[in-house]
Amino acid sequence: MSRPMRNSPGLLILAVGCLGAGAALADDSAQWLERMNKALATRNYDGTFSHWHGGRAELLRIIHRVQDGVVSERLASLDGSGREFIRTGASLACYLPDKHRVVIEQRPQQEPLVNFPAVTDETAQHYDIKEVSRTRFNHRDTHVIAVTPKDQYRYGYRLWIDDSTAMPLKTELCDANGRIIEQIVFANLTLSSRLADALFKPEVSTEGFEIVRNVPPQPQALRAPLAWSAMQLPPGFRMTVRSAQTLPGSTAVVDHMVFSDGVASVSVFIEVQQAGTPPQGAPGQSAAVGSSSAYSTFIDGHKVTAVGEVPPATVELIASQVKAQPPAAAAAAAGARGH
């Protein structure tokens, strides 16, 4: 199920972890998830879907093309904001008419704008996966697959996967009580052998817009290096990304880490504590936006913020366990653990 994640401060886009390269699982239900992710990654398609979360509904259009090994995608809001996200290879352009701004940044080529849960042998240890029914949906035969977490640190999913194309037609994100907290429903979805270049151009006029290019910070812009890590993580989670980023529209640099179990993921942003902010030991701050949870605290002179489409307890645990060590000490500790 696609899900909104704040992968950089101030930007709300649809994103989730990609399908791992794990071997096909014996269980046919898990194989349907693998077929679905392969279809999403390799097919050309153009679809319109409603995205319901946080008591709001938004209509969006997603266009995806693979041509000569290059992936192009365009995600556009159809409900008045005019926001569009266009990805070509590793370049992502975010068109934000309400801010009169275009933000351009580099992202891994395997990180699509819209993706869905993927389960490998490793991640399957933390989820029960089964086909709960076969039904007709939007005039198509579908397999309804339930992905149910085995603990309280992650949400569950239900997916309606088209029998003939393996494309997802509907997805639901559910809490521990089975309550739907986010839903995606495709009104139409067309597969095509060719998609014109014009479909990947923004409709919004950018005349007078501010152009912000988020580039990796230069070595001289980086602070004295610290090796940030989490001392304790929920079962199955591990660090998958570690990087430094500049904040949009400024020269401020934050450390960025992503922790994932292969299905759910949590982004952690670490920035130098500003004067006048609460001291270490002050109560942390929780927030929720739709299906996303956030938790901020202050550790070792830094503000630590964890954000993810996971239960509040998960972001609080991860943020509160973040610690920093000088690189030499971290390397020595890692070496000691290896013996």
C-alpha atoms as a PDB file:
ATOM      1  CA  MET A   1       0.000   0.000   0.000  1.00  0.00           C
ATOM      2  CA  SER A   2       1.378   3.352  -0.849  1.00  0.00           C
ATOM      3  CA  ARG A   3       1.798   5.566   2.079  1.00  0.00           C
ATOM      4  CA  PRO A   4       2.781   9.170   2.818  1.00  0.00           C
ATOM      5  CA  MET A   5       6.210   9.501   4.346  1.00  0.00           C
ATOM      6  CA  ARG A   6       8.186  12.606   5.177  1.00  0.00           C
ATOM      7  CA  ASN A   7      11.511  11.528   3.688  1.00  0.00           C
ATOM      8  CA  SER A   8      12.884  15.060   3.866  1.00  0.00           C
ATOM      9  CA  PRO A   9      11.678  17.899   6.108  1.00  0.00           C
ATOM     10  CA  GLY A  10       8.711  19.797   4.652  1.00  0.00           C
ATOM     11  CA  LEU A  11       8.031  17.400   1.791  1.00  0.00           C
ATOM     12  CA  LEU A  12       5.093  15.028   1.823  1.00  0.00           C
ATOM     13  CA  ILE A  13       5.263  12.420  -0.899  1.00  0.00           C
ATOM     14  CA  LEU A  14       4.144   8.863  -1.420  1.00  0.00           C
ATOM     15  CA  ALA A  15       6.880   6.503  -0.790  1.00  0.00           C
ATOM     16  CA  VAL A  16       7.709   3.179   0.799  1.00  0.00           C
ATOM     17  CA  GLY A  17      10.500   0.625   0.752  1.00  0.00           C
ATOM     18  CA  CYS A  18      11.177  -1.269  -2.450  1.00  0.00           C
ATOM     19  CA  LEU A  19      10.842  -4.988  -3.026  1.00  0.00           C
ATOM     20  CA  GLY A  20      13.901  -6.771  -1.738  1.00  0.00           C
ATOM     21  CA  ALA A  21      15.780  -9.191  -3.930  1.00  0.00           C
ATOM     22  CA  GLY A  22      14.865 -12.147  -1.750  1.00  0.00           C
ATOM     23  CA  ALA A  23      13.974 -15.482  -3.238  1.00  0.00           C
ATOM     24  CA  ALA A  24      10.377 -16.308  -4.027  1.00  0.00           C
ATOM     25  CA  LEU A  25       8.581 -17.574  -0.976  1.00  0.00           C
ATOM     26  CA  ALA A  26       6.870 -20.923  -0.894  1.00  0.00           C
ATOM     27  CA  ASP A  27       3.577 -19.460   0.284  1.00  0.00           C
ATOM     28  CA  ASP A  28       1.426 -18.402  -2.680  1.00  0.00           C
ATOM     29  CA  SER A  29       0.055 -15.387  -0.787  1.00  0.00           C
ATOM     30  CA  ALA A  30       3.544 -13.937  -0.370  1.00  0.00           C
ATOM     31  CA  GLN A  31       4.236 -14.704  -4.016  1.00  0.00           C
ATOM     32  CA  TRP A  32       1.315 -12.477  -4.977  1.00  0.00           C
ATOM     33  CA  LEU A  33       3.020  -9.599  -3.157  1.00  0.00           C
ATOM     34  CA  GLU A  34       6.207 -10.323  -5.094  1.00  0.00           C
ATOM     35  CA  ARG A  35       4.324 -10.404  -8.414  1.00  0.00           C
ATOM     36  CA  MET A  36       2.598  -7.145  -7.517  1.00  0.00           C
ATOM     37  CA  ASN A  37       5.848  -5.315  -6.757  1.00  0.00           C
ATOM     38  CA  LYS A  38       7.442  -6.653  -9.934  1.00  0.00           C
ATOM     39  CA  ALA A  39       4.468  -5.417 -11.969  1.00  0.00           C
ATOM     40  CA  LEU A  40       4.642  -1.979 -10.333  1.00  0.00           C
ATOM     41  CA  ALA A  41       8.367  -1.714 -11.035  1.00  0.00           C
ATOM     42  CA  THR A  42       8.442  -2.984 -14.630  1.00  0.00           C
ATOM     43  CA  ARG A  43       5.114  -2.140 -16.301  1.00  0.00           C
ATOM     44  CA  ASN A  44       4.001   1.073 -17.998  1.00  0.00           C
ATOM     45  CA  TYR A  45       0.769   2.329 -16.450  1.00  0.00           C
ATOM     46  CA  ASP A  46      -1.448   5.371 -15.999  1.00  0.00           C
ATOM     47  CA  GLY A  47      -3.951   5.420 -13.154  1.00  0.00           C
ATOM     48  CA  THR A  48      -6.177   7.652 -11.074  1.00  0.00           C
ATOM     49  CA  PHE A  49      -6.750   6.811  -7.425  1.00  0.00           C
ATOM     50  CA  SER A  50      -8.298   8.233  -4.281  1.00  0.00           C
ATOM     51  CA  HIS A  51      -6.096   8.436  -1.215  1.00  0.00           C
ATOM     52  CA  TRP A  52      -7.928   8.615   2.114  1.00  0.00           C
ATOM     53  CA  HIS A  53      -6.031   9.313   5.329  1.00  0.00           C
ATOM     54  CA  GLY A  54      -6.448  11.451   8.420  1.00  0.00           C
ATOM     55  CA  GLY A  55     -10.105  12.094   7.647  1.00  0.00           C
ATOM     56  CA  ARG A  56      -9.174  13.595   4.267  1.00  0.00           C
ATOM     57  CA  ALA A  57      -9.540  12.261   0.754  1.00  0.00           C
ATOM     58  CA  GLU A  58      -7.358  13.301  -2.170  1.00  0.00           C
ATOM     59  CA  LEU A  59      -7.570  12.362  -5.838  1.00  0.00           C
ATOM     60  CA  LEU A  60      -4.233  11.687  -7.538  1.00  0.00           C
ATOM     61  CA  ARG A  61      -2.868  10.503 -10.853  1.00  0.00           C
ATOM     62  CA  ILE A  62       0.186   8.260 -11.157  1.00  0.00           C
ATOM     63  CA  ILE A  63       2.008   7.640 -14.451  1.00  0.00           C
ATOM     64  CA  HIS A  64       4.898   5.161 -14.593  1.00  0.00           C
ATOM     65  CA  ARG A  65       7.164   4.251 -17.504  1.00  0.00           C
ATOM     66  CA  VAL A  66      10.274   2.127 -18.015  1.00  0.00           C
ATOM     67  CA  GLN A  67      12.088   3.043 -21.232  1.00  0.00           C
ATOM     68  CA  ASP A  68      15.636   2.052 -22.179  1.00  0.00           C
ATOM     69  CA  GLY A  69      16.263   1.107 -18.565  1.00  0.00           C
ATOM     70  CA  VAL A  70      15.259   4.543 -17.215  1.00  0.00           C
ATOM     71  CA  VAL A  71      12.254   4.859 -14.900  1.00  0.00           C
ATOM     72  CA  SER A  72      10.059   7.951 -15.236  1.00  0.00           C
ATOM     73  CA  GLU A  73       7.168   8.717 -12.897  1.00  0.00           C
ATOM     74  CA  ARG A  74       4.727  11.539 -12.374  1.00  0.00           C
ATOM     75  CA  LEU A  75       2.428  11.856  -9.360  1.00  0.00           C
ATOM     76  CA  ALA A  76      -0.036  14.749  -9.512  1.00  0.00           C
ATOM     77  CA  SER A  77      -2.730  15.964  -7.145  1.00  0.00           C
ATOM     78  CA  LEU A  78      -6.045  16.513  -8.931  1.00  0.00           C
ATOM     79  CA  ASP A  79      -7.787  18.257  -6.027  1.00  0.00           C
ATOM     80  CA  GLY A  80      -6.734  21.881  -6.338  1.00  0.00           C
ATOM     81  CA  SER A  81      -3.295  22.058  -4.692  1.00  0.00           C
ATOM     82  CA  GLY A  82      -1.625  21.423  -8.043  1.00  0.00           C
ATOM     83  CA  ARG A  83       1.285  19.626  -6.387  1.00  0.00           C
ATOM     84  CA  GLU A  84       3.243  17.352  -8.692  1.00  0.00           C
ATOM     85  CA  PHE A  85       6.232  15.059  -8.230  1.00  0.00           C
ATOM     86  CA  ILE A  86       8.193  14.024 -11.310  1.00  0.00           C
ATOM     87  CA  ARG A  87      11.025  11.515 -11.176  1.00  0.00           C
ATOM     88  CA  THR A  88      13.417  10.698 -14.002  1.00  0.00           C
ATOM     89  CA  GLY A  89      15.996   8.166 -12.968  1.00  0.00           C
ATOM     90  CA  ALA A  90      17.574   9.485  -9.762  1.00  0.00           C
ATOM     91  CA  SER A  91      16.310  13.068 -10.201  1.00  0.00           C
ATOM     92  CA  LEU A  92      13.119  14.079  -8.388  1.00  0.00           C
ATOM     93  CA  ALA A  93      11.409  17.430  -8.987  1.00  0.00           C
ATOM     94  CA  CYS A  94       8.705  18.524  -6.525  1.00  0.00           C
ATOM     95  CA  TYR A  95       6.370  21.240  -7.855  1.00  0.00           C
ATOM     96  CA  LEU A  96       4.708  23.109  -4.975  1.00  0.00           C
ATOM     97  CA  PRO A  97       2.380  25.836  -6.309  1.00  0.00           C
ATOM     98  CA  ASP A  98       1.132  26.772  -2.828  1.00  0.00           C
ATOM     99  CA  LYS A  99       4.716  27.717  -1.917  1.00  0.00           C
ATOM    100  CA  HIS A 100       5.672  29.016  -5.386  1.00  0.00           C
ATOM    101  CA  ARG A 101       8.622  26.667  -5.241  1.00  0.00           C
ATOM    102  CA  VAL A 102      10.223  23.795  -7.124  1.00  0.00           C
ATOM    103  CA  VAL A 103      12.473  21.494  -5.084  1.00  0.00           C
ATOM    104  CA  ILE A 104      14.922  19.331  -7.032  1.00  0.00           C
ATOM    105  CA  GLU A 105      16.836  16.553  -5.325  1.00  0.00           C
ATOM    106  CA  GLN A 106      18.566  13.260  -5.996  1.00  0.00           C
ATOM    107  CA  ARG A 107      17.088   9.992  -4.783  1.00  0.00           C
ATOM    108  CA  PRO A 108      18.006   6.340  -5.276  1.00  0.00           C
ATOM    109  CA  GLN A 109      16.713   5.114  -8.629  1.00  0.00           C
ATOM    110  CA  GLN A 110      15.042   2.134  -6.956  1.00  0.00           C
ATOM    111  CA  GLU A 111      12.933   4.435  -4.726  1.00  0.00           C
ATOM    112  CA  PRO A 112       9.600   4.995  -6.539  1.00  0.00           C
ATOM    113  CA  LEU A 113       6.934   7.556  -5.739  1.00  0.00           C
ATOM    114  CA  VAL A 114       4.328   4.866  -5.154  1.00  0.00           C
ATOM    115  CA  ASN A 115       5.088   1.378  -3.930  1.00  0.00           C
ATOM    116  CA  PHE A 116       3.515  -1.303  -1.824  1.00  0.00           C
ATOM    117  CA  PRO A 117       4.455  -3.833   0.894  1.00  0.00           C
ATOM    118  CA  ALA A 118       7.058  -6.408  -0.059  1.00  0.00           C
ATOM    119  CA  VAL A 119       7.852  -9.454   2.029  1.00  0.00           C
ATOM    120  CA  THR A 120      10.982 -11.619   1.872  1.00  0.00           C
ATOM    121  CA  ASP A 121      11.983 -14.649   3.927  1.00  0.00           C
ATOM    122  CA  GLU A 122      13.474 -12.272   6.499  1.00  0.00           C
ATOM    123  CA  THR A 123      10.557  -9.860   6.854  1.00  0.00           C
ATOM    124  CA  ALA A 124       7.999 -12.673   6.812  1.00  0.00           C
ATOM    125  CA  GLN A 125       9.166 -13.545  10.326  1.00  0.00           C
ATOM    126  CA  HIS A 126       7.323 -10.478  11.620  1.00  0.00           C
ATOM    127  CA  TYR A 127       4.107 -10.697   9.548  1.00  0.00           C
ATOM    128  CA  ASP A 128       1.459 -13.320   8.861  1.00  0.00           C
ATOM    129  CA  ILE A 129       0.579 -13.314   5.162  1.00  0.00           C
ATOM    130  CA  LYS A 130      -2.482 -15.067   3.807  1.00  0.00           C
ATOM    131  CA  GLU A 131      -5.106 -14.838   1.120  1.00  0.00           C
ATOM    132  CA  VAL A 132      -8.391 -14.105   2.851  1.00  0.00           C
ATOM    133  CA  SER A 133     -10.675 -14.198  -0.188  1.00  0.00           C
ATOM    134  CA  ARG A 134     -11.056 -13.988  -3.931  1.00  0.00           C
ATOM    135  CA  THR A 135     -13.554 -11.452  -5.117  1.00  0.00           C
ATOM    136  CA  ARG A 136     -14.616  -9.175  -7.972  1.00  0.00           C
ATOM    137  CA  PHE A 137     -13.482  -5.573  -7.623  1.00  0.00           C
ATOM    138  CA  ASN A 138     -13.915  -2.862 -10.238  1.00  0.00           C
ATOM    139  CA  HIS A 139     -14.987  -5.555 -12.749  1.00  0.00           C
ATOM    140  CA  ARG A 140     -11.812  -7.593 -12.196  1.00  0.00           C
ATOM    141  CA  ASP A 141     -11.047 -10.858 -10.395  1.00  0.00           C
ATOM    142  CA  THR A 142      -8.801 -10.139  -7.423  1.00  0.00           C
ATOM    143  CA  HIS A 143      -6.870 -11.907  -4.681  1.00  0.00           C
ATOM    144  CA  VAL A 144      -7.342 -10.227  -1.294  1.00  0.00           C
ATOM    145  CA  ILE A 145      -4.083 -10.592   0.648  1.00  0.00           C
ATOM    146  CA  ALA A 146      -3.810  -9.732   4.360  1.00  0.00           C
ATOM    147  CA  VAL A 147      -0.416  -8.786   5.836  1.00  0.00           C
ATOM    148  CA  THR A 148      -0.836  -8.921   9.632  1.00  0.00           C
ATOM    149  CA  PRO A 149       1.966  -7.906  12.042  1.00  0.00           C
ATOM    150  CA  LYS A 150       2.943 -10.275  14.829  1.00  0.00           C
ATOM    151  CA  ASP A 151       3.596  -7.475  17.355  1.00  0.00           C
ATOM    152  CA  GLN A 152       2.562  -3.907  18.219  1.00  0.00           C
ATOM    153  CA  TYR A 153       5.421  -2.148  16.391  1.00  0.00           C
ATOM    154  CA  ARG A 154       3.929  -2.119  12.882  1.00  0.00           C
ATOM    155  CA  TYR A 155       0.655  -1.731  11.020  1.00  0.00           C
ATOM    156  CA  GLY A 156      -1.098  -4.301   8.853  1.00  0.00           C
ATOM    157  CA  TYR A 157      -2.337  -4.228   5.266  1.00  0.00           C
ATOM    158  CA  ARG A 158      -5.058  -5.620   3.052  1.00  0.00           C
ATOM    159  CA  LEU A 159      -4.471  -5.600  -0.697  1.00  0.00           C
ATOM    160  CA  TRP A 160      -6.774  -6.348  -3.636  1.00  0.00           C
ATOM    161  CA  ILE A 161      -4.441  -7.669  -6.388  1.00  0.00           C
ATOM    162  CA  ASP A 162      -5.690  -8.099  -9.959  1.00  0.00           C
ATOM    163  CA  ASP A 163      -5.542 -11.747 -11.013  1.00  0.00           C
ATOM    164  CA  SER A 164      -4.514 -11.067 -14.625  1.00  0.00           C
ATOM    165  CA  THR A 165      -2.035  -8.184 -14.242  1.00  0.00           C
ATOM    166  CA  ALA A 166      -0.880  -8.503 -10.584  1.00  0.00           C
ATOM    167  CA  MET A 167      -1.498  -4.776 -10.196  1.00  0.00           C
ATOM    168  CA  PRO A 168      -3.006  -3.507  -6.902  1.00  0.00           C
ATOM    169  CA  LEU A 169      -6.521  -2.117  -7.293  1.00  0.00           C
ATOM    170  CA  LYS A 170      -7.186  -1.282  -3.648  1.00  0.00           C
ATOM    171  CA  THR A 171      -5.126  -1.202  -0.439  1.00  0.00           C
ATOM    172  CA  GLU A 172      -5.907  -0.588   3.212  1.00  0.00           C
ATOM    173  CA  LEU A 173      -3.590   0.226   6.103  1.00  0.00           C
ATOM    174  CA  CYS A 174      -4.972  -1.081   9.415  1.00  0.00           C
ATOM    175  CA  ASP A 175      -4.123  -0.615  13.068  1.00  0.00           C
ATOM    176  CA  ALA A 176      -3.931  -3.356  15.702  1.00  0.00           C
ATOM    177  CA  ASN A 177      -7.732  -3.373  16.053  1.00  0.00           C
ATOM    178  CA  GLY A 178      -8.311  -3.752  12.324  1.00  0.00           C
ATOM    179  CA  ARG A 179      -9.443  -0.125  11.990  1.00  0.00           C
ATOM    180  CA  ILE A 180      -8.689   1.331   8.539  1.00  0.00           C
ATOM    181  CA  ILE A 181      -6.402   4.349   8.924  1.00  0.00           C
ATOM    182  CA  GLU A 182      -5.446   4.817   5.270  1.00  0.00           C
ATOM    183  CA  GLN A 183      -6.952   3.625   2.001  1.00  0.00           C
ATOM    184  CA  ILE A 184      -6.024   3.702  -1.685  1.00  0.00           C
ATOM    185  CA  VAL A 185      -8.644   2.880  -4.328  1.00  0.00           C
ATOM    186  CA  PHE A 186      -7.949   3.023  -8.059  1.00  0.00           C
ATOM    187  CA  ALA A 187     -10.816   4.452 -10.103  1.00  0.00           C
ATOM    188  CA  ASN A 188      -9.040   3.484 -13.324  1.00  0.00           C
ATOM    189  CA  LEU A 189      -5.737   1.865 -14.199  1.00  0.00           C
ATOM    190  CA  THR A 190      -4.496   1.458 -17.765  1.00  0.00           C
ATOM    191  CA  LEU A 191      -1.462  -0.537 -18.882  1.00  0.00           C
ATOM    192  CA  SER A 192       0.235   0.594 -22.078  1.00  0.00           C
ATOM    193  CA  SER A 193       3.192  -0.458 -24.208  1.00  0.00           C
ATOM    194  CA  ARG A 194       4.102   3.196 -24.861  1.00  0.00           C
ATOM    195  CA  LEU A 195       3.675   6.406 -22.868  1.00  0.00           C
ATOM    196  CA  ALA A 196       4.522   9.749 -24.492  1.00  0.00           C
ATOM    197  CA  ASP A 197       7.202  12.068 -23.083  1.00  0.00           C
ATOM    198  CA  ALA A 198       4.569  14.817 -22.757  1.00  0.00           C
ATOM    199  CA  LEU A 199       2.867  12.857 -19.960  1.00  0.00           C
ATOM    200  CA  PHE A 200       5.918  13.481 -17.752  1.00  0.00           C
ATOM    201  CA  LYS A 201       5.839  17.283 -18.012  1.00  0.00           C
ATOM    202  CA  PRO A 202       4.277  19.380 -15.198  1.00  0.00           C
ATOM    203  CA  GLU A 203       0.948  21.021 -15.873  1.00  0.00           C
ATOM    204  CA  VAL A 204       1.628  23.891 -13.466  1.00  0.00           C
ATOM    205  CA  SER A 205       3.340  27.029 -14.739  1.00  0.00           C
ATOM    206  CA  THR A 206       6.547  27.665 -12.792  1.00  0.00           C
ATOM    207  CA  GLU A 207       6.990  31.289 -13.841  1.00  0.00           C
ATOM    208  CA  GLY A 208       8.206  33.248 -10.819  1.00  0.00           C
ATOM    209  CA  PHE A 209       8.783  30.096  -8.742  1.00  0.00           C
ATOM    210  CA  GLU A 210      11.791  29.742  -6.456  1.00  0.00           C
ATOM    211  CA  ILE A 211      14.039  26.873  -7.579  1.00  0.00           C
ATOM    212  CA  VAL A 212      15.613  24.998  -4.659  1.00  0.00           C
ATOM    213  CA  ARG A 213      18.230  22.377  -5.422  1.00  0.00           C
ATOM    214  CA  ASN A 214      18.885  19.996  -2.560  1.00  0.00           C
ATOM    215  CA  VAL A 215      22.369  18.651  -3.159  1.00  0.00           C
ATOM    216  CA  PRO A 216      24.495  16.526  -0.821  1.00  0.00           C
ATOM    217  CA  PRO A 217      26.442  18.844   1.477  1.00  0.00           C
ATOM    218  CA  GLN A 218      30.064  19.516   0.560  1.00  0.00           C
ATOM    219  CA  PRO A 219      32.676  17.998   2.879  1.00  0.00           C
ATOM    220  CA  GLN A 220      33.609  21.426   4.272  1.00  0.00           C
ATOM    221  CA  ALA A 221      29.949  22.025   5.208  1.00  0.00           C
ATOM    222  CA  LEU A 222      29.751  18.929   7.380  1.00  0.00           C
ATOM    223  CA  ARG A 223      30.014  19.105  11.133  1.00  0.00           C
ATOM    224  CA  ALA A 224      32.580  17.134  13.110  1.00  0.00           C
ATOM    225  CA  PRO A 225      31.539  13.578  12.259  1.00  0.00           C
ATOM    226  CA  LEU A 226      29.629  11.488  14.736  1.00  0.00           C
ATOM    227  CA  ALA A 227      28.454   7.920  14.221  1.00  0.00           C
ATOM    228  CA  TRP A 228      24.754   7.922  15.071  1.00  0.00           C
ATOM    229  CA  SER A 229      22.961   4.658  15.693  1.00  0.00           C
ATOM    230  CA  ALA A 230      20.088   3.235  17.713  1.00  0.00           C
ATOM    231  CA  MET A 231      21.059   1.192  20.746  1.00  0.00           C
ATOM    232  CA  GLN A 232      17.798  -0.785  20.667  1.00  0.00           C
ATOM    233  CA  LEU A 233      15.318  -1.333  17.847  1.00  0.00           C
ATOM    234  CA  PRO A 234      11.940  -3.061  17.507  1.00  0.00           C
ATOM    235  CA  PRO A 235      12.343  -6.681  16.388  1.00  0.00           C
ATOM    236  CA  GLY A 236      13.255  -6.980  12.714  1.00  0.00           C
ATOM    237  CA  PHE A 237      14.166  -3.324  12.184  1.00  0.00           C
ATOM    238  CA  ARG A 238      17.661  -2.401  11.002  1.00  0.00           C
ATOM    239  CA  MET A 239      19.382   0.684   9.627  1.00  0.00           C
ATOM    240  CA  THR A 240      19.126   0.814   5.820  1.00  0.00           C
ATOM    241  CA  VAL A 241      20.185   4.416   5.062  1.00  0.00           C
ATOM    242  CA  ARG A 242      22.690   6.781   6.640  1.00  0.00           C
ATOM    243  CA  SER A 243      23.340  10.161   5.025  1.00  0.00           C
ATOM    244  CA  ALA A 244      23.687  13.916   5.553  1.00  0.00           C
ATOM    245  CA  GLN A 245      21.189  16.347   4.039  1.00  0.00           C
ATOM    246  CA  THR A 246      20.742  20.077   3.743  1.00  0.00           C
ATOM    247  CA  LEU A 247      17.371  21.414   4.832  1.00  0.00           C
ATOM    248  CA  PRO A 248      15.270  22.870   1.983  1.00  0.00           C
ATOM    249  CA  GLY A 249      15.971  26.550   1.435  1.00  0.00           C
ATOM    250  CA  SER A 250      18.862  26.738   3.915  1.00  0.00           C
ATOM    251  CA  THR A 251      22.439  25.677   4.507  1.00  0.00           C
ATOM    252  CA  ALA A 252      21.595  23.757   7.696  1.00  0.00           C
ATOM    253  CA  VAL A 253      22.808  20.161   7.632  1.00  0.00           C
ATOM    254  CA  VAL A 254      20.975  17.290   9.305  1.00  0.00           C
ATOM    255  CA  ASP A 255      21.987  13.681   9.751  1.00  0.00           C
ATOM    256  CA  HIS A 256      19.458  11.256   8.290  1.00  0.00           C
ATOM    257  CA  MET A 257      18.926   7.581   9.025  1.00  0.00           C
ATOM    258  CA  VAL A 258      16.235   5.157   7.893  1.00  0.00           C
ATOM    259  CA  PHE A 259      15.303   2.059   9.899  1.00  0.00           C
ATOM    260  CA  SER A 260      13.167  -0.583   8.178  1.00  0.00           C
ATOM    261  CA  ASP A 261      11.867  -4.099   8.623  1.00  0.00           C
ATOM    262  CA  GLY A 262      11.497  -4.404   4.841  1.00  0.00           C
ATOM    263  CA  VAL A 263       7.843  -3.370   4.934  1.00  0.00           C
ATOM    264  CA  ALA A 264       7.535  -0.521   7.445  1.00  0.00           C
ATOM    265  CA  SER A 265      10.178   2.207   7.719  1.00  0.00           C
ATOM    266  CA  VAL A 266      11.064   5.086  10.042  1.00  0.00           C
ATOM    267  CA  SER A 267      13.104   8.153   9.067  1.00  0.00           C
ATOM    268  CA  VAL A 268      15.209   9.819  11.768  1.00  0.00           C
ATOM    269  CA  PHE A 269      16.509  13.386  11.387  1.00  0.00           C
ATOM    270  CA  ILE A 270      19.198  14.722  13.723  1.00  0.00           C
ATOM    271  CA  GLU A 271      20.051  18.422  13.884  1.00  0.00           C
ATOM    272  CA  VAL A 272      22.189  20.540  16.183  1.00  0.00           C
ATOM    273  CA  GLN A 273      20.143  21.873  19.082  1.00  0.00           C
ATOM    274  CA  GLN A 274      19.429  25.585  18.735  1.00  0.00           C
ATOM    275  CA  ALA A 275      19.747  28.084  21.577  1.00  0.00           C
ATOM    276  CA  GLY A 276      16.621  28.280  23.714  1.00  0.00           C
ATOM    277  CA  THR A 277      15.413  24.760  22.909  1.00  0.00           C
ATOM    278  CA  PRO A 278      14.541  22.367  25.751  1.00  0.00           C
ATOM    279  CA  PRO A 279      17.473  20.651  27.491  1.00  0.00           C
ATOM    280  CA  GLN A 280      18.221  16.941  27.362  1.00  0.00           C
ATOM    281  CA  GLY A 281      15.797  15.060  29.555  1.00  0.00           C
ATOM    282  CA  ALA A 282      12.882  17.340  28.687  1.00  0.00           C
ATOM    283  CA  PRO A 283       9.690  15.441  27.784  1.00  0.00           C
ATOM    284  CA  GLY A 284       9.538  14.342  24.165  1.00  0.00           C
ATOM    285  CA  GLN A 285       6.849  15.597  21.793  1.00  0.00           C
ATOM    286  CA  SER A 286       4.504  13.310  19.885  1.00  0.00           C
ATOM    287  CA  ALA A 287       2.438  14.136  16.813  1.00  0.00           C
ATOM    288  CA  ALA A 288       0.264  12.279  14.327  1.00  0.00           C
ATOM    289  CA  VAL A 289      -0.685  13.266  10.786  1.00  0.00           C
ATOM    290  CA  GLY A 290      -3.067  10.783   9.239  1.00  0.00           C
ATOM    291  CA  SER A 291      -1.382   7.403   9.443  1.00  0.00           C
ATOM    292  CA  SER A 292       2.087   8.854  10.148  1.00  0.00           C
ATOM    293  CA  SER A 293       3.503   9.129  13.665  1.00  0.00           C
ATOM    294  CA  ALA A 294       6.276  11.475  14.788  1.00  0.00           C
ATOM    295  CA  TYR A 295       8.289  11.851  17.968  1.00  0.00           C
ATOM    296  CA  SER A 296      10.948  14.467  18.831  1.00  0.00           C
ATOM    297  CA  THR A 297      13.386  14.514  21.727  1.00  0.00           C
ATOM    298  CA  PHE A 298      16.751  16.078  22.636  1.00  0.00           C
ATOM    299  CA  ILE A 299      19.869  13.928  22.961  1.00  0.00           C
ATOM    300  CA  ASP A 300      23.508  14.978  23.395  1.00  0.00           C
ATOM    301  CA  GLY A 301      22.902  18.547  22.235  1.00  0.00           C
ATOM    302  CA  HIS A 302      20.879  17.499  19.191  1.00  0.00           C
ATOM    303  CA  LYS A 303      17.200  17.436  18.284  1.00  0.00           C
ATOM    304  CA  VAL A 304      16.177  13.920  17.202  1.00  0.00           C
ATOM    305  CA  THR A 305      12.949  13.481  15.232  1.00  0.00           C
ATOM    306  CA  ALA A 306      11.587  10.096  14.123  1.00  0.00           C
ATOM    307  CA  VAL A 307       8.780   9.938  11.531  1.00  0.00           C
ATOM    308  CA  GLY A 308       7.100   6.906  10.030  1.00  0.00           C
ATOM    309  CA  GLU A 309       3.871   5.212   9.088  1.00  0.00           C
ATOM    310  CA  VAL A 310       4.041   3.034  12.176  1.00  0.00           C
ATOM    311  CA  PRO A 311       2.380   3.054  15.626  1.00  0.00           C
ATOM    312  CA  PRO A 312       3.449   5.907  17.971  1.00  0.00           C
ATOM    313  CA  ALA A 313       5.315   3.479  20.251  1.00  0.00           C
ATOM    314  CA  THR A 314       7.673   2.581  17.393  1.00  0.00           C
ATOM    315  CA  VAL A 315       8.889   6.114  16.589  1.00  0.00           C
ATOM    316  CA  GLU A 316       9.199   6.896  20.310  1.00  0.00           C
ATOM    317  CA  LEU A 317      11.328   3.807  20.943  1.00  0.00           C
ATOM    318  CA  ILE A 318      13.647   4.462  18.003  1.00  0.00           C
ATOM    319  CA  ALA A 319      14.090   8.200  18.687  1.00  0.00           C
ATOM    320  CA  SER A 320      14.774   7.673  22.375  1.00  0.00           C
ATOM    321  CA  GLN A 321      17.446   5.047  21.618  1.00  0.00           C
ATOM    322  CA  VAL A 322      19.502   7.168  19.202  1.00  0.00           C
ATOM    323  CA  LYS A 323      23.053   7.782  20.465  1.00  0.00           C
ATOM    324  CA  ALA A 324      26.219   9.283  18.996  1.00  0.00           C
ATOM    325  CA  GLN A 325      29.847   8.215  19.227  1.00  0.00           C
ATOM    326  CA  PRO A 326      33.007   9.564  17.580  1.00  0.00           C
ATOM    327  CA  PRO A 327      33.822   7.369  14.543  1.00  0.00           C
ATOM    328  CA  ALA A 328      36.904   5.818  16.153  1.00  0.00           C
ATOM    329  CA  ALA A 329      34.934   4.754  19.209  1.00  0.00           C
ATOM    330  CA  ALA A 330      32.080   3.438  17.068  1.00  0.00           C
ATOM    331  CA  ALA A 331      34.506   1.408  14.936  1.00  0.00           C
ATOM    332  CA  ALA A 332      36.146  -0.042  18.040  1.00  0.00           C
ATOM    333  CA  ALA A 333      32.743  -0.971  19.468  1.00  0.00           C
ATOM    334  CA  ALA A 334      31.714  -2.597  16.202  1.00  0.00           C
ATOM    335  CA  GLY A 335      34.982  -4.552  16.151  1.00  0.00           C
ATOM    336  CA  ALA A 336      34.437  -5.724  19.713  1.00  0.00           C
ATOM    337  CA  ARG A 337      30.924  -6.920  18.856  1.00  0.00           C
ATOM    338  CA  GLY A 338      32.341  -8.850  15.896  1.00  0.00           C
ATOM    339  CA  HIS A 339      34.605 -10.982  18.133  1.00  0.00           C
END
